[in-house]
N, C-alpha and C. Protein backbone atom coordinates (compact mmCIF):
# COMPACT_ATOMS: atom_id res chain seq x y z
N VAL A 1 -65.43 41.08 -34.85
CA VAL A 1 -65.65 40.89 -33.44
C VAL A 1 -66.01 42.18 -32.72
N ASP A 2 -66.17 43.25 -33.46
CA ASP A 2 -66.49 44.54 -32.85
C ASP A 2 -67.99 44.82 -32.77
N ARG A 3 -68.79 44.08 -33.52
CA ARG A 3 -70.23 44.33 -33.49
C ARG A 3 -70.98 43.05 -33.83
N ARG A 4 -72.25 43.04 -33.42
CA ARG A 4 -73.10 41.90 -33.76
C ARG A 4 -73.59 42.05 -35.18
N GLY A 5 -73.84 40.92 -35.81
CA GLY A 5 -74.42 40.93 -37.14
C GLY A 5 -75.91 40.65 -37.07
N THR A 6 -76.55 40.71 -38.20
CA THR A 6 -77.99 40.47 -38.30
C THR A 6 -78.36 39.09 -37.78
N SER A 7 -77.57 38.09 -38.12
CA SER A 7 -77.86 36.72 -37.66
C SER A 7 -77.82 36.64 -36.14
N GLN A 8 -76.84 37.27 -35.52
CA GLN A 8 -76.76 37.25 -34.07
C GLN A 8 -77.93 38.01 -33.45
N ASP A 9 -78.33 39.12 -34.06
CA ASP A 9 -79.49 39.86 -33.56
C ASP A 9 -80.74 38.99 -33.62
N ARG A 10 -80.89 38.23 -34.68
CA ARG A 10 -82.06 37.36 -34.81
C ARG A 10 -82.02 36.22 -33.80
N MET A 11 -80.84 35.64 -33.60
CA MET A 11 -80.72 34.58 -32.60
C MET A 11 -81.02 35.12 -31.20
N LEU A 12 -80.50 36.31 -30.91
CA LEU A 12 -80.75 36.91 -29.60
C LEU A 12 -82.23 37.21 -29.42
N ALA A 13 -82.87 37.73 -30.44
CA ALA A 13 -84.31 38.02 -30.35
C ALA A 13 -85.11 36.75 -30.09
N ALA A 14 -84.76 35.66 -30.75
CA ALA A 14 -85.45 34.39 -30.54
C ALA A 14 -85.22 33.87 -29.13
N LEU A 15 -83.98 33.98 -28.65
CA LEU A 15 -83.69 33.55 -27.29
C LEU A 15 -84.47 34.38 -26.27
N VAL A 16 -84.48 35.69 -26.45
CA VAL A 16 -85.19 36.57 -25.52
C VAL A 16 -86.68 36.22 -25.51
N GLU A 17 -87.23 35.96 -26.66
CA GLU A 17 -88.65 35.58 -26.74
C GLU A 17 -88.90 34.27 -25.98
N ASN A 18 -88.04 33.28 -26.20
CA ASN A 18 -88.19 31.99 -25.52
C ASN A 18 -87.98 32.12 -24.03
N ILE A 19 -87.04 32.94 -23.63
CA ILE A 19 -86.80 33.15 -22.20
C ILE A 19 -88.01 33.84 -21.58
N GLY A 20 -88.60 34.78 -22.28
CA GLY A 20 -89.82 35.43 -21.80
C GLY A 20 -90.95 34.43 -21.62
N GLU A 21 -91.07 33.49 -22.54
CA GLU A 21 -92.08 32.44 -22.41
C GLU A 21 -91.77 31.56 -21.19
N GLY A 22 -90.49 31.30 -20.98
CA GLY A 22 -90.08 30.53 -19.81
C GLY A 22 -90.36 31.26 -18.51
N HIS A 23 -90.20 32.57 -18.53
CA HIS A 23 -90.57 33.37 -17.36
C HIS A 23 -92.06 33.22 -17.09
N ALA A 24 -92.85 33.30 -18.13
CA ALA A 24 -94.31 33.26 -17.99
C ALA A 24 -94.79 31.92 -17.42
N ASP A 25 -94.14 30.81 -17.83
CA ASP A 25 -94.60 29.51 -17.34
C ASP A 25 -93.77 28.99 -16.15
N GLY A 26 -92.80 29.79 -15.71
CA GLY A 26 -92.02 29.44 -14.53
C GLY A 26 -90.88 28.47 -14.76
N SER A 27 -90.57 28.16 -16.03
CA SER A 27 -89.51 27.19 -16.31
C SER A 27 -88.12 27.82 -16.43
N VAL A 28 -88.06 29.15 -16.43
CA VAL A 28 -86.78 29.87 -16.51
C VAL A 28 -86.69 30.80 -15.32
N ARG A 29 -85.50 30.88 -14.74
CA ARG A 29 -85.28 31.72 -13.56
C ARG A 29 -85.64 33.17 -13.86
N PRO A 30 -86.02 33.91 -12.83
CA PRO A 30 -86.29 35.33 -13.03
C PRO A 30 -85.01 36.07 -13.43
N GLY A 31 -85.18 37.17 -14.09
CA GLY A 31 -84.06 38.01 -14.48
C GLY A 31 -84.36 38.70 -15.79
N ARG A 32 -83.49 39.58 -16.17
CA ARG A 32 -83.66 40.33 -17.41
C ARG A 32 -83.47 39.39 -18.59
N ALA A 33 -84.52 39.21 -19.37
CA ALA A 33 -84.47 38.28 -20.49
C ALA A 33 -83.35 38.63 -21.47
N GLY A 34 -83.13 39.91 -21.71
CA GLY A 34 -82.07 40.31 -22.64
C GLY A 34 -80.69 39.96 -22.14
N LEU A 35 -80.48 40.09 -20.84
CA LEU A 35 -79.19 39.74 -20.26
C LEU A 35 -78.99 38.23 -20.24
N ILE A 36 -80.01 37.51 -19.82
CA ILE A 36 -79.91 36.05 -19.81
C ILE A 36 -79.68 35.52 -21.23
N GLY A 37 -80.40 36.08 -22.19
CA GLY A 37 -80.22 35.68 -23.58
C GLY A 37 -78.81 35.90 -24.08
N ARG A 38 -78.24 37.02 -23.70
CA ARG A 38 -76.85 37.29 -24.10
C ARG A 38 -75.90 36.27 -23.49
N GLY A 39 -76.12 35.91 -22.23
CA GLY A 39 -75.29 34.89 -21.59
C GLY A 39 -75.39 33.55 -22.30
N VAL A 40 -76.61 33.17 -22.66
CA VAL A 40 -76.82 31.91 -23.39
C VAL A 40 -76.11 31.96 -24.74
N LEU A 41 -76.29 33.05 -25.46
CA LEU A 41 -75.69 33.17 -26.79
C LEU A 41 -74.16 33.12 -26.71
N LEU A 42 -73.58 33.77 -25.73
CA LEU A 42 -72.12 33.73 -25.58
C LEU A 42 -71.64 32.32 -25.27
N ALA A 43 -72.36 31.60 -24.42
CA ALA A 43 -71.99 30.21 -24.13
C ALA A 43 -72.10 29.35 -25.39
N LEU A 44 -73.19 29.53 -26.12
CA LEU A 44 -73.38 28.75 -27.35
C LEU A 44 -72.27 29.02 -28.35
N HIS A 45 -71.87 30.26 -28.49
CA HIS A 45 -70.80 30.59 -29.44
C HIS A 45 -69.54 29.79 -29.12
N GLY A 46 -69.18 29.73 -27.85
CA GLY A 46 -67.98 28.99 -27.47
C GLY A 46 -68.07 27.52 -27.84
N PHE A 47 -69.21 26.92 -27.57
CA PHE A 47 -69.39 25.51 -27.90
C PHE A 47 -69.40 25.29 -29.41
N VAL A 48 -70.11 26.12 -30.13
CA VAL A 48 -70.23 25.94 -31.58
C VAL A 48 -68.88 26.17 -32.27
N ILE A 49 -68.21 27.23 -31.89
CA ILE A 49 -66.96 27.59 -32.58
C ILE A 49 -65.81 26.66 -32.20
N SER A 50 -65.75 26.25 -30.95
CA SER A 50 -64.57 25.52 -30.48
C SER A 50 -64.78 24.03 -30.24
N ALA A 51 -65.98 23.52 -30.41
CA ALA A 51 -66.23 22.10 -30.10
C ALA A 51 -65.28 21.18 -30.86
N GLY A 52 -65.01 21.48 -32.10
CA GLY A 52 -64.13 20.63 -32.90
C GLY A 52 -62.72 20.54 -32.37
N THR A 53 -62.30 21.53 -31.60
CA THR A 53 -60.94 21.51 -31.05
C THR A 53 -60.88 20.82 -29.69
N MET A 54 -62.02 20.40 -29.18
CA MET A 54 -62.10 19.83 -27.83
C MET A 54 -62.52 18.36 -27.82
N THR A 55 -62.42 17.69 -28.95
CA THR A 55 -62.90 16.31 -29.03
C THR A 55 -61.80 15.28 -28.84
N ASP A 56 -60.68 15.69 -28.33
CA ASP A 56 -59.63 14.72 -28.02
C ASP A 56 -59.99 14.00 -26.72
N GLY A 57 -60.41 12.75 -26.85
CA GLY A 57 -60.79 11.96 -25.68
C GLY A 57 -62.27 12.02 -25.34
N VAL A 58 -63.03 12.89 -26.00
CA VAL A 58 -64.48 12.97 -25.80
C VAL A 58 -65.12 13.10 -27.17
N THR A 59 -66.41 12.84 -27.22
CA THR A 59 -67.14 12.97 -28.49
C THR A 59 -67.92 14.29 -28.50
N GLU A 60 -68.38 14.65 -29.68
CA GLU A 60 -69.24 15.83 -29.77
C GLU A 60 -70.53 15.61 -29.00
N ALA A 61 -71.00 14.37 -28.95
CA ALA A 61 -72.20 14.06 -28.16
C ALA A 61 -71.94 14.31 -26.68
N ASP A 62 -70.73 13.99 -26.21
CA ASP A 62 -70.37 14.29 -24.82
C ASP A 62 -70.43 15.79 -24.57
N LEU A 63 -69.90 16.56 -25.51
CA LEU A 63 -69.91 18.01 -25.37
C LEU A 63 -71.34 18.55 -25.43
N ASP A 64 -72.17 17.96 -26.27
CA ASP A 64 -73.59 18.36 -26.32
C ASP A 64 -74.25 18.13 -24.96
N ASP A 65 -73.93 17.00 -24.33
CA ASP A 65 -74.47 16.72 -23.00
C ASP A 65 -74.02 17.76 -21.99
N GLU A 66 -72.77 18.17 -22.07
CA GLU A 66 -72.25 19.20 -21.16
C GLU A 66 -72.94 20.54 -21.39
N LEU A 67 -73.15 20.89 -22.66
CA LEU A 67 -73.85 22.14 -22.97
C LEU A 67 -75.28 22.09 -22.45
N ARG A 68 -75.94 20.97 -22.62
CA ARG A 68 -77.32 20.81 -22.12
C ARG A 68 -77.35 21.01 -20.61
N LEU A 69 -76.41 20.41 -19.90
CA LEU A 69 -76.33 20.56 -18.45
C LEU A 69 -76.06 22.01 -18.06
N LEU A 70 -75.12 22.64 -18.75
CA LEU A 70 -74.79 24.04 -18.48
C LEU A 70 -76.03 24.92 -18.64
N LEU A 71 -76.74 24.74 -19.73
CA LEU A 71 -77.92 25.58 -19.99
C LEU A 71 -79.06 25.27 -19.02
N ASP A 72 -79.26 23.97 -18.73
CA ASP A 72 -80.31 23.60 -17.78
C ASP A 72 -80.09 24.27 -16.44
N ARG A 73 -78.86 24.24 -15.97
CA ARG A 73 -78.55 24.81 -14.65
C ARG A 73 -78.57 26.34 -14.68
N TYR A 74 -78.12 26.92 -15.76
CA TYR A 74 -78.09 28.38 -15.89
C TYR A 74 -79.52 28.96 -15.92
N LEU A 75 -80.41 28.25 -16.60
CA LEU A 75 -81.77 28.75 -16.79
C LEU A 75 -82.75 28.28 -15.71
N ALA A 76 -82.37 27.32 -14.90
CA ALA A 76 -83.29 26.75 -13.91
C ALA A 76 -83.80 27.81 -12.94
N PRO A 77 -85.09 27.73 -12.63
CA PRO A 77 -85.66 28.68 -11.65
C PRO A 77 -85.12 28.44 -10.25
């Protein structure tokens, strides 16, 4: 937990690239792509790592819907 690994660097690079494309077409809010990408990656980590512990009374599909909403609102212009 003290440093990023190669996989995380690759995921971040892909996110930053996609966010840059979203900036270009106006589908992603303005801001530093690297910072926004880090925010997205941190949110995703929480959902991916902990989703299995949060399914009491909800389904993973419900959690996927919540993640989709979170990301849509976070990235919206």
